[in-house]
Protein backbone atom coordinates (compact mmCIF):
# COMPACT_ATOMS: atom_id res chain seq x y z
CA MET A 1 -41.03 2.58 -4.22
CA LYS A 2 -38.59 0.33 -2.36
CA LYS A 3 -35.92 1.00 -4.97
CA ILE A 4 -36.27 4.75 -4.55
CA PHE A 5 -36.09 4.42 -0.78
CA LYS A 6 -32.95 2.26 -1.03
CA LEU A 7 -31.34 4.76 -3.39
CA LEU A 8 -32.12 7.62 -1.03
CA ILE A 9 -30.58 5.74 1.88
CA LEU A 10 -27.51 4.88 -0.18
CA PHE A 11 -27.13 8.50 -1.25
CA TYR A 12 -27.48 9.73 2.32
CA LEU A 13 -24.94 7.23 3.67
CA SER A 14 -22.42 8.08 0.95
CA PHE A 15 -22.84 11.76 1.79
CA LEU A 16 -22.17 11.05 5.48
CA ILE A 17 -19.05 9.07 4.66
CA LEU A 18 -17.56 11.45 2.09
CA SER A 19 -18.40 14.83 3.60
CA PRO A 20 -15.90 14.65 6.50
CA MET A 21 -13.11 13.92 4.00
CA ALA A 22 -13.98 16.95 1.94
CA THR A 23 -14.23 19.09 5.07
CA PHE A 24 -10.76 18.03 6.23
CA ALA A 25 -9.25 18.79 2.83
CA GLN A 26 -10.85 22.23 2.83
CA MET A 27 -9.69 23.21 6.31
CA VAL A 28 -6.13 21.88 6.13
CA PRO A 29 -3.72 24.71 5.33
CA ASN A 30 -1.12 22.25 4.07
CA THR A 31 -1.90 19.03 2.24
CA VAL A 32 1.71 17.89 1.77
CA CYS A 33 4.02 17.10 4.67
CA PRO A 34 6.75 19.75 5.15
CA VAL A 35 9.11 17.18 6.68
CA MET A 36 8.68 14.58 3.92
CA PRO A 37 7.63 16.52 0.80
CA GLY A 38 5.54 14.41 -1.53
CA GLU A 39 3.72 12.63 1.29
CA ARG A 40 0.07 13.54 1.90
CA VAL A 41 -0.78 14.73 5.41
CA LYS A 42 -3.09 12.84 7.76
CA GLN A 43 -5.60 14.48 10.07
CA LYS A 44 -4.34 12.75 13.21
CA PHE A 45 -0.73 13.98 12.90
CA TYR A 46 -0.27 17.68 13.57
CA VAL A 47 1.67 20.24 15.57
CA ASP A 48 0.34 23.58 16.77
CA TYR A 49 3.09 26.10 16.11
CA GLN A 50 2.77 29.85 16.74
CA GLY A 51 -1.00 29.74 16.58
CA GLU A 52 -1.07 27.71 13.37
CA ARG A 53 -1.92 24.02 13.00
CA ILE A 54 0.61 22.24 10.81
CA TYR A 55 -0.41 18.81 9.53
CA LEU A 56 2.13 16.06 8.93
CA CYS A 57 2.12 12.58 7.44
CA CYS A 58 3.28 10.43 10.39
CA ARG A 59 4.40 10.35 14.02
CA ASN A 60 8.09 10.49 13.07
CA CYS A 61 7.49 13.73 11.18
CA VAL A 62 5.78 15.21 14.24
CA ILE A 63 8.91 14.42 16.27
CA ALA A 64 11.22 15.84 13.58
CA PHE A 65 9.13 19.01 13.26
CA LYS A 66 9.22 19.61 17.00
CA LYS A 67 13.03 19.32 17.00
CA ASN A 68 13.50 21.97 14.31
CA PRO A 69 10.25 23.86 13.58
CA GLU A 70 11.90 26.87 11.92
CA LYS A 71 13.51 24.69 9.24
CA PHE A 72 10.23 23.02 8.33
CA MET A 73 8.21 26.24 8.50
CA LYS A 74 10.58 27.74 5.91
CA ARG A 75 10.10 24.66 3.74
CA LEU A 76 6.33 24.87 4.17
CA THR A 77 6.36 28.55 3.18
CA LYS A 78 8.31 27.71 0.01
CA MET A 79 5.95 24.84 -0.80
CA GLN A 80 2.90 27.07 -0.39
CA ALA A 81 4.46 29.82 -2.53
CA LYS A 82 4.91 27.33 -5.40
CA VAL A 83 1.25 26.32 -5.22
CA GLN A 84 -0.03 29.91 -5.36
């Protein structure tokens, strides 16, 4: 009985840990940084641009995106077109 209880707790804790990661991946419109293609985005680095949240890989990419958003939006559009 104790083993089953421990397994249930372990299962529940793993679900709590892994479910936010899956949720972030599902809600992120872009998973690759438009400033540094090939780099995975991180949830804490983003820019809201024209009503859309664009995720980036690091603070430097946030700064670069803000300096020239049109350039990186074009790149992001091309990257998304290749995926689809």
